Structures are given as C-alpha cells and as structure tokens.
Amino acid sequence: MLPKTPPGDPLWALTVAVIYFGSVIAFGAIARAICARLMRRYGADLEDVQKQAGSNRRERDVFLLGFWRKER
C-alpha cells in the first residue's frame, strides 16, 4: 500500500515523475539495444531497407517526432 502523502507534496511529485519517466527511458534504451543487436547480427541498416523499396520510390514529406523532414 502506498503511504499517505499530503496533496501537493513536491517530493512525492518528484518520485512519481522519476518512476514514470525513468521507466519510459529504460524501455526505450532496452528497445534500442535490442534493435542494434539485431541490426548487427543480420547486417541490415536503413540504407539497405530503402534500397529494397526500389528506384521508383518517390520523395515524400514525413512528420517524425515533431519535425517535418524529406524522406528520400
């Protein structure tokens, strides 16, 4: 059971933020490590994947993580 804390306790808010953001960052780091290991094992990278799409692949604008960029 969680301890009773007064509403607005800054230390409790910090604890919750560390648990929330820490778990998201840890999950992202683990996923990145797994993807990197798989890419090293099978020797594929982004350029190889884009080559599989062929030369008829058109440029397009994509929105990724809050930024617009050209995908070539």
PDB file of N, CA and C in Angstrom:
ATOM      1  N   MET A   1       0.846  -1.174   0.000  1.00  0.00           N
ATOM      2  CA  MET A   1       0.000   0.000   0.000  1.00  0.00           C
ATOM      3  C   MET A   1       0.892   1.239   0.000  1.00  0.00           C
ATOM      4  N   LEU A   2       0.504   2.229  -0.739  1.00  0.00           N
ATOM      5  CA  LEU A   2       1.273   3.464  -0.805  1.00  0.00           C
ATOM      6  C   LEU A   2       1.076   4.282   0.464  1.00  0.00           C
ATOM      7  N   PRO A   3       2.127   4.990   0.883  1.00  0.00           N
ATOM      8  CA  PRO A   3       1.990   5.807   2.089  1.00  0.00           C
ATOM      9  C   PRO A   3       1.081   7.006   1.825  1.00  0.00           C
ATOM     10  N   LYS A   4       0.435   7.464   2.886  1.00  0.00           N
ATOM     11  CA  LYS A   4      -0.405   8.657   2.782  1.00  0.00           C
ATOM     12  C   LYS A   4       0.501   9.875   2.665  1.00  0.00           C
ATOM     13  N   THR A   5       0.287  10.657   1.635  1.00  0.00           N
ATOM     14  CA  THR A   5       1.080  11.877   1.446  1.00  0.00           C
ATOM     15  C   THR A   5       0.125  13.048   1.309  1.00  0.00           C
ATOM     16  N   PRO A   6       0.532  14.190   1.821  1.00  0.00           N
ATOM     17  CA  PRO A   6      -0.333  15.356   1.669  1.00  0.00           C
ATOM     18  C   PRO A   6      -0.399  15.773   0.198  1.00  0.00           C
ATOM     19  N   PRO A   7      -1.539  16.263  -0.252  1.00  0.00           N
ATOM     20  CA  PRO A   7      -1.634  16.690  -1.646  1.00  0.00           C
ATOM     21  C   PRO A   7      -0.671  17.843  -1.917  1.00  0.00           C
ATOM     22  N   GLY A   8      -0.026  17.781  -3.038  1.00  0.00           N
ATOM     23  CA  GLY A   8       0.898  18.844  -3.410  1.00  0.00           C
ATOM     24  C   GLY A   8       2.290  18.671  -2.837  1.00  0.00           C
ATOM     25  N   ASP A   9       2.596  17.519  -2.276  1.00  0.00           N
ATOM     26  CA  ASP A   9       3.929  17.271  -1.728  1.00  0.00           C
ATOM     27  C   ASP A   9       4.936  17.209  -2.876  1.00  0.00           C
ATOM     28  N   PRO A  10       5.913  18.131  -2.924  1.00  0.00           N
ATOM     29  CA  PRO A  10       6.847  18.151  -4.058  1.00  0.00           C
ATOM     30  C   PRO A  10       7.727  16.905  -4.139  1.00  0.00           C
ATOM     31  N   LEU A  11       8.054  16.310  -3.017  1.00  0.00           N
ATOM     32  CA  LEU A  11       8.890  15.110  -3.044  1.00  0.00           C
ATOM     33  C   LEU A  11       8.120  13.933  -3.641  1.00  0.00           C
ATOM     34  N   TRP A  12       6.833  13.840  -3.331  1.00  0.00           N
ATOM     35  CA  TRP A  12       6.015  12.773  -3.905  1.00  0.00           C
ATOM     36  C   TRP A  12       5.856  12.979  -5.412  1.00  0.00           C
ATOM     37  N   ALA A  13       5.673  14.215  -5.830  1.00  0.00           N
ATOM     38  CA  ALA A  13       5.564  14.517  -7.261  1.00  0.00           C
ATOM     39  C   ALA A  13       6.860  14.151  -7.980  1.00  0.00           C
ATOM     40  N   LEU A  14       7.986  14.429  -7.368  1.00  0.00           N
ATOM     41  CA  LEU A  14       9.280  14.074  -7.961  1.00  0.00           C
ATOM     42  C   LEU A  14       9.432  12.555  -8.045  1.00  0.00           C
ATOM     43  N   THR A  15       9.002  11.852  -7.017  1.00  0.00           N
ATOM     44  CA  THR A  15       9.073  10.388  -7.022  1.00  0.00           C
ATOM     45  C   THR A  15       8.245   9.801  -8.159  1.00  0.00           C
ATOM     46  N   VAL A  16       7.040  10.296  -8.320  1.00  0.00           N
ATOM     47  CA  VAL A  16       6.171   9.812  -9.391  1.00  0.00           C
ATOM     48  C   VAL A  16       6.784  10.124 -10.750  1.00  0.00           C
ATOM     49  N   ALA A  17       7.336  11.319 -10.920  1.00  0.00           N
ATOM     50  CA  ALA A  17       7.953  11.702 -12.195  1.00  0.00           C
ATOM     51  C   ALA A  17       9.152  10.817 -12.515  1.00  0.00           C
ATOM     52  N   VAL A  18       9.974  10.520 -11.517  1.00  0.00           N
ATOM     53  CA  VAL A  18      11.142   9.663 -11.742  1.00  0.00           C
ATOM     54  C   VAL A  18      10.702   8.257 -12.133  1.00  0.00           C
ATOM     55  N   ILE A  19       9.695   7.733 -11.467  1.00  0.00           N
ATOM     56  CA  ILE A  19       9.204   6.396 -11.812  1.00  0.00           C
ATOM     57  C   ILE A  19       8.628   6.396 -13.222  1.00  0.00           C
ATOM     58  N   TYR A  20       7.824   7.377 -13.551  1.00  0.00           N
ATOM     59  CA  TYR A  20       7.170   7.436 -14.860  1.00  0.00           C
ATOM     60  C   TYR A  20       8.192   7.626 -15.980  1.00  0.00           C
ATOM     61  N   PHE A  21       8.974   8.693 -15.909  1.00  0.00           N
ATOM     62  CA  PHE A  21       9.931   8.976 -16.978  1.00  0.00           C
ATOM     63  C   PHE A  21      11.081   7.977 -16.983  1.00  0.00           C
ATOM     64  N   GLY A  22      11.469   7.505 -15.820  1.00  0.00           N
ATOM     65  CA  GLY A  22      12.543   6.514 -15.757  1.00  0.00           C
ATOM     66  C   GLY A  22      12.170   5.220 -16.446  1.00  0.00           C
ATOM     67  N   SER A  23      10.925   4.791 -16.262  1.00  0.00           N
ATOM     68  CA  SER A  23      10.503   3.553 -16.925  1.00  0.00           C
ATOM     69  C   SER A  23      10.421   3.737 -18.435  1.00  0.00           C
ATOM     70  N   VAL A  24       9.974   4.891 -18.894  1.00  0.00           N
ATOM     71  CA  VAL A  24       9.905   5.155 -20.336  1.00  0.00           C
ATOM     72  C   VAL A  24      11.307   5.191 -20.934  1.00  0.00           C
ATOM     73  N   ILE A  25      12.232   5.850 -20.264  1.00  0.00           N
ATOM     74  CA  ILE A  25      13.612   5.926 -20.759  1.00  0.00           C
ATOM     75  C   ILE A  25      14.264   4.545 -20.740  1.00  0.00           C
ATOM     76  N   ALA A  26      14.032   3.784 -19.684  1.00  0.00           N
ATOM     77  CA  ALA A  26      14.609   2.435 -19.610  1.00  0.00           C
ATOM     78  C   ALA A  26      14.052   1.543 -20.712  1.00  0.00           C
ATOM     79  N   PHE A  27      12.757   1.609 -20.952  1.00  0.00           N
ATOM     80  CA  PHE A  27      12.147   0.812 -22.015  1.00  0.00           C
ATOM     81  C   PHE A  27      12.729   1.198 -23.375  1.00  0.00           C
ATOM     82  N   GLY A  28      12.895   2.492 -23.617  1.00  0.00           N
ATOM     83  CA  GLY A  28      13.480   2.952 -24.876  1.00  0.00           C
ATOM     84  C   GLY A  28      14.916   2.491 -25.046  1.00  0.00           C
ATOM     85  N   ALA A  29      15.697   2.536 -23.982  1.00  0.00           N
ATOM     86  CA  ALA A  29      17.093   2.098 -24.056  1.00  0.00           C
ATOM     87  C   ALA A  29      17.186   0.601 -24.327  1.00  0.00           C
ATOM     88  N   ILE A  30      16.320  -0.171 -23.699  1.00  0.00           N
ATOM     89  CA  ILE A  30      16.321  -1.617 -23.934  1.00  0.00           C
ATOM     90  C   ILE A  30      15.905  -1.925 -25.367  1.00  0.00           C
ATOM     91  N   ALA A  31      14.868  -1.257 -25.859  1.00  0.00           N
ATOM     92  CA  ALA A  31      14.418  -1.479 -27.240  1.00  0.00           C
ATOM     93  C   ALA A  31      15.506  -1.082 -28.233  1.00  0.00           C
ATOM     94  N   ARG A  32      16.195   0.011 -27.957  1.00  0.00           N
ATOM     95  CA  ARG A  32      17.273   0.448 -28.849  1.00  0.00           C
ATOM     96  C   ARG A  32      18.411  -0.571 -28.864  1.00  0.00           C
ATOM     97  N   ALA A  33      18.764  -1.104 -27.711  1.00  0.00           N
ATOM     98  CA  ALA A  33      19.838  -2.098 -27.642  1.00  0.00           C
ATOM     99  C   ALA A  33      19.458  -3.372 -28.385  1.00  0.00           C
ATOM    100  N   ILE A  34      18.208  -3.793 -28.244  1.00  0.00           N
ATOM    101  CA  ILE A  34      17.756  -4.995 -28.958  1.00  0.00           C
ATOM    102  C   ILE A  34      17.789  -4.767 -30.459  1.00  0.00           C
ATOM    103  N   CYS A  35      17.305  -3.617 -30.911  1.00  0.00           N
ATOM    104  CA  CYS A  35      17.325  -3.307 -32.350  1.00  0.00           C
ATOM    105  C   CYS A  35      18.755  -3.236 -32.872  1.00  0.00           C
ATOM    106  N   ALA A  36      19.649  -2.619 -32.123  1.00  0.00           N
ATOM    107  CA  ALA A  36      21.043  -2.517 -32.559  1.00  0.00           C
ATOM    108  C   ALA A  36      21.680  -3.900 -32.658  1.00  0.00           C
ATOM    109  N   ARG A  37      21.394  -4.765 -31.704  1.00  0.00           N
ATOM    110  CA  ARG A  37      21.947  -6.119 -31.736  1.00  0.00           C
ATOM    111  C   ARG A  37      21.425  -6.891 -32.949  1.00  0.00           C
ATOM    112  N   LEU A  38      20.141  -6.777 -33.230  1.00  0.00           N
ATOM    113  CA  LEU A  38      19.570  -7.456 -34.390  1.00  0.00           C
ATOM    114  C   LEU A  38      20.133  -6.903 -35.698  1.00  0.00           C
ATOM    115  N   MET A  39      20.315  -5.593 -35.769  1.00  0.00           N
ATOM    116  CA  MET A  39      20.863  -4.991 -36.990  1.00  0.00           C
ATOM    117  C   MET A  39      22.309  -5.443 -37.204  1.00  0.00           C
ATOM    118  N   ARG A  40      23.081  -5.546 -36.120  1.00  0.00           N
ATOM    119  CA  ARG A  40      24.462  -6.030 -36.259  1.00  0.00           C
ATOM    120  C   ARG A  40      24.480  -7.495 -36.678  1.00  0.00           C
ATOM    121  N   ARG A  41      23.581  -8.286 -36.120  1.00  0.00           N
ATOM    122  CA  ARG A  41      23.561  -9.715 -36.412  1.00  0.00           C
ATOM    123  C   ARG A  41      23.220  -9.982 -37.873  1.00  0.00           C
ATOM    124  N   TYR A  42      22.228  -9.285 -38.383  1.00  0.00           N
ATOM    125  CA  TYR A  42      21.767  -9.559 -39.739  1.00  0.00           C
ATOM    126  C   TYR A  42      22.359  -8.610 -40.771  1.00  0.00           C
ATOM    127  N   GLY A  43      23.149  -7.653 -40.357  1.00  0.00           N
ATOM    128  CA  GLY A  43      23.864  -6.774 -41.274  1.00  0.00           C
ATOM    129  C   GLY A  43      22.976  -5.840 -42.076  1.00  0.00           C
ATOM    130  N   ALA A  44      21.824  -5.520 -41.586  1.00  0.00           N
ATOM    131  CA  ALA A  44      20.928  -4.615 -42.295  1.00  0.00           C
ATOM    132  C   ALA A  44      20.983  -3.241 -41.644  1.00  0.00           C
ATOM    133  N   ASP A  45      20.854  -2.217 -42.468  1.00  0.00           N
ATOM    134  CA  ASP A  45      20.726  -0.872 -41.944  1.00  0.00           C
ATOM    135  C   ASP A  45      19.666  -0.141 -42.757  1.00  0.00           C
ATOM    136  N   LEU A  46      19.451   1.118 -42.438  1.00  0.00           N
ATOM    137  CA  LEU A  46      18.375   1.862 -43.073  1.00  0.00           C
ATOM    138  C   LEU A  46      18.567   1.972 -44.578  1.00  0.00           C
ATOM    139  N   GLU A  47      19.798   2.154 -45.023  1.00  0.00           N
ATOM    140  CA  GLU A  47      20.051   2.266 -46.466  1.00  0.00           C
ATOM    141  C   GLU A  47      19.679   0.976 -47.191  1.00  0.00           C
ATOM    142  N   ASP A  48      19.957  -0.164 -46.594  1.00  0.00           N
ATOM    143  CA  ASP A  48      19.581  -1.442 -47.209  1.00  0.00           C
ATOM    144  C   ASP A  48      18.063  -1.573 -47.337  1.00  0.00           C
ATOM    145  N   VAL A  49      17.371  -1.155 -46.312  1.00  0.00           N
ATOM    146  CA  VAL A  49      15.910  -1.240 -46.340  1.00  0.00           C
ATOM    147  C   VAL A  49      15.344  -0.312 -47.410  1.00  0.00           C
ATOM    148  N   GLN A  50      15.911   0.894 -47.536  1.00  0.00           N
ATOM    149  CA  GLN A  50      15.437   1.829 -48.550  1.00  0.00           C
ATOM    150  C   GLN A  50      15.753   1.336 -49.954  1.00  0.00           C
ATOM    151  N   LYS A  51      16.867   0.642 -50.132  1.00  0.00           N
ATOM    152  CA  LYS A  51      17.202   0.087 -51.444  1.00  0.00           C
ATOM    153  C   LYS A  51      16.199  -0.979 -51.862  1.00  0.00           C
ATOM    154  N   GLN A  52      15.660  -1.705 -50.906  1.00  0.00           N
ATOM    155  CA  GLN A  52      14.676  -2.734 -51.214  1.00  0.00           C
ATOM    156  C   GLN A  52      13.395  -2.137 -51.788  1.00  0.00           C
ATOM    157  N   ALA A  53      13.134  -0.877 -51.472  1.00  0.00           N
ATOM    158  CA  ALA A  53      11.929  -0.230 -51.986  1.00  0.00           C
ATOM    159  C   ALA A  53      12.051   0.060 -53.474  1.00  0.00           C
ATOM    160  N   GLY A  54      13.270   0.071 -53.995  1.00  0.00           N
ATOM    161  CA  GLY A  54      13.473   0.250 -55.426  1.00  0.00           C
ATOM    162  C   GLY A  54      13.728   1.696 -55.813  1.00  0.00           C
ATOM    163  N   SER A  55      14.063   1.878 -57.080  1.00  0.00           N
ATOM    164  CA  SER A  55      14.398   3.212 -57.574  1.00  0.00           C
ATOM    165  C   SER A  55      13.155   4.035 -57.881  1.00  0.00           C
ATOM    166  N   ASN A  56      11.987   3.416 -57.962  1.00  0.00           N
ATOM    167  CA  ASN A  56      10.751   4.142 -58.254  1.00  0.00           C
ATOM    168  C   ASN A  56      10.140   4.777 -57.012  1.00  0.00           C
ATOM    169  N   ARG A  57      10.814   4.658 -55.914  1.00  0.00           N
ATOM    170  CA  ARG A  57      10.311   5.210 -54.663  1.00  0.00           C
ATOM    171  C   ARG A  57      10.385   6.729 -54.720  1.00  0.00           C
ATOM    172  N   ARG A  58       9.282   7.389 -54.486  1.00  0.00           N
ATOM    173  CA  ARG A  58       9.255   8.847 -54.586  1.00  0.00           C
ATOM    174  C   ARG A  58       9.629   9.497 -53.258  1.00  0.00           C
ATOM    175  N   GLU A  59      10.092  10.746 -53.340  1.00  0.00           N
ATOM    176  CA  GLU A  59      10.358  11.508 -52.127  1.00  0.00           C
ATOM    177  C   GLU A  59       9.030  11.910 -51.510  1.00  0.00           C
ATOM    178  N   ARG A  60       9.014  11.989 -50.199  1.00  0.00           N
ATOM    179  CA  ARG A  60       7.798  12.427 -49.535  1.00  0.00           C
ATOM    180  C   ARG A  60       8.162  13.142 -48.248  1.00  0.00           C
ATOM    181  N   ASP A  61       7.257  13.994 -47.809  1.00  0.00           N
ATOM    182  CA  ASP A  61       7.431  14.687 -46.541  1.00  0.00           C
ATOM    183  C   ASP A  61       6.822  13.829 -45.443  1.00  0.00           C
ATOM    184  N   VAL A  62       7.576  13.630 -44.383  1.00  0.00           N
ATOM    185  CA  VAL A  62       7.074  12.852 -43.256  1.00  0.00           C
ATOM    186  C   VAL A  62       7.238  13.660 -41.974  1.00  0.00           C
ATOM    187  N   PHE A  63       6.355  13.416 -41.035  1.00  0.00           N
ATOM    188  CA  PHE A  63       6.383  14.085 -39.744  1.00  0.00           C
ATOM    189  C   PHE A  63       6.852  13.075 -38.717  1.00  0.00           C
ATOM    190  N   LEU A  64       8.015  13.321 -38.122  1.00  0.00           N
ATOM    191  CA  LEU A  64       8.593  12.375 -37.181  1.00  0.00           C
ATOM    192  C   LEU A  64       9.089  13.112 -35.946  1.00  0.00           C
ATOM    193  N   LEU A  65       8.557  12.755 -34.810  1.00  0.00           N
ATOM    194  CA  LEU A  65       8.972  13.311 -33.520  1.00  0.00           C
ATOM    195  C   LEU A  65       8.915  14.835 -33.493  1.00  0.00           C
ATOM    196  N   GLY A  66       7.870  15.389 -34.069  1.00  0.00           N
ATOM    197  CA  GLY A  66       7.676  16.830 -34.007  1.00  0.00           C
ATOM    198  C   GLY A  66       8.381  17.618 -35.083  1.00  0.00           C
ATOM    199  N   PHE A  67       8.984  16.957 -36.063  1.00  0.00           N
ATOM    200  CA  PHE A  67       9.704  17.659 -37.119  1.00  0.00           C
ATOM    201  C   PHE A  67       9.280  17.127 -38.482  1.00  0.00           C
ATOM    202  N   TRP A  68       9.185  18.035 -39.448  1.00  0.00           N
ATOM    203  CA  TRP A  68       8.943  17.633 -40.829  1.00  0.00           C
ATOM    204  C   TRP A  68      10.285  17.417 -41.490  1.00  0.00           C
ATOM    205  N   ARG A  69      10.397  16.368 -42.273  1.00  0.00           N
ATOM    206  CA  ARG A  69      11.638  16.116 -42.996  1.00  0.00           C
ATOM    207  C   ARG A  69      11.326  15.455 -44.322  1.00  0.00           C
ATOM    208  N   LYS A  70      12.281  15.547 -45.254  1.00  0.00           N
ATOM    209  CA  LYS A  70      12.141  14.901 -46.556  1.00  0.00           C
ATOM    210  C   LYS A  70      12.661  13.480 -46.444  1.00  0.00           C
ATOM    211  N   GLU A  71      11.868  12.529 -46.898  1.00  0.00           N
ATOM    212  CA  GLU A  71      12.317  11.146 -46.919  1.00  0.00           C
ATOM    213  C   GLU A  71      12.728  10.818 -48.341  1.00  0.00           C
ATOM    214  N   ARG A  72      13.972  10.461 -48.510  1.00  0.00           N
ATOM    215  CA  ARG A  72      14.496  10.186 -49.850  1.00  0.00           C
ATOM    216  C   ARG A  72      14.633   8.716 -50.066  1.00  0.00           C
TER     217      ARG A  72
END
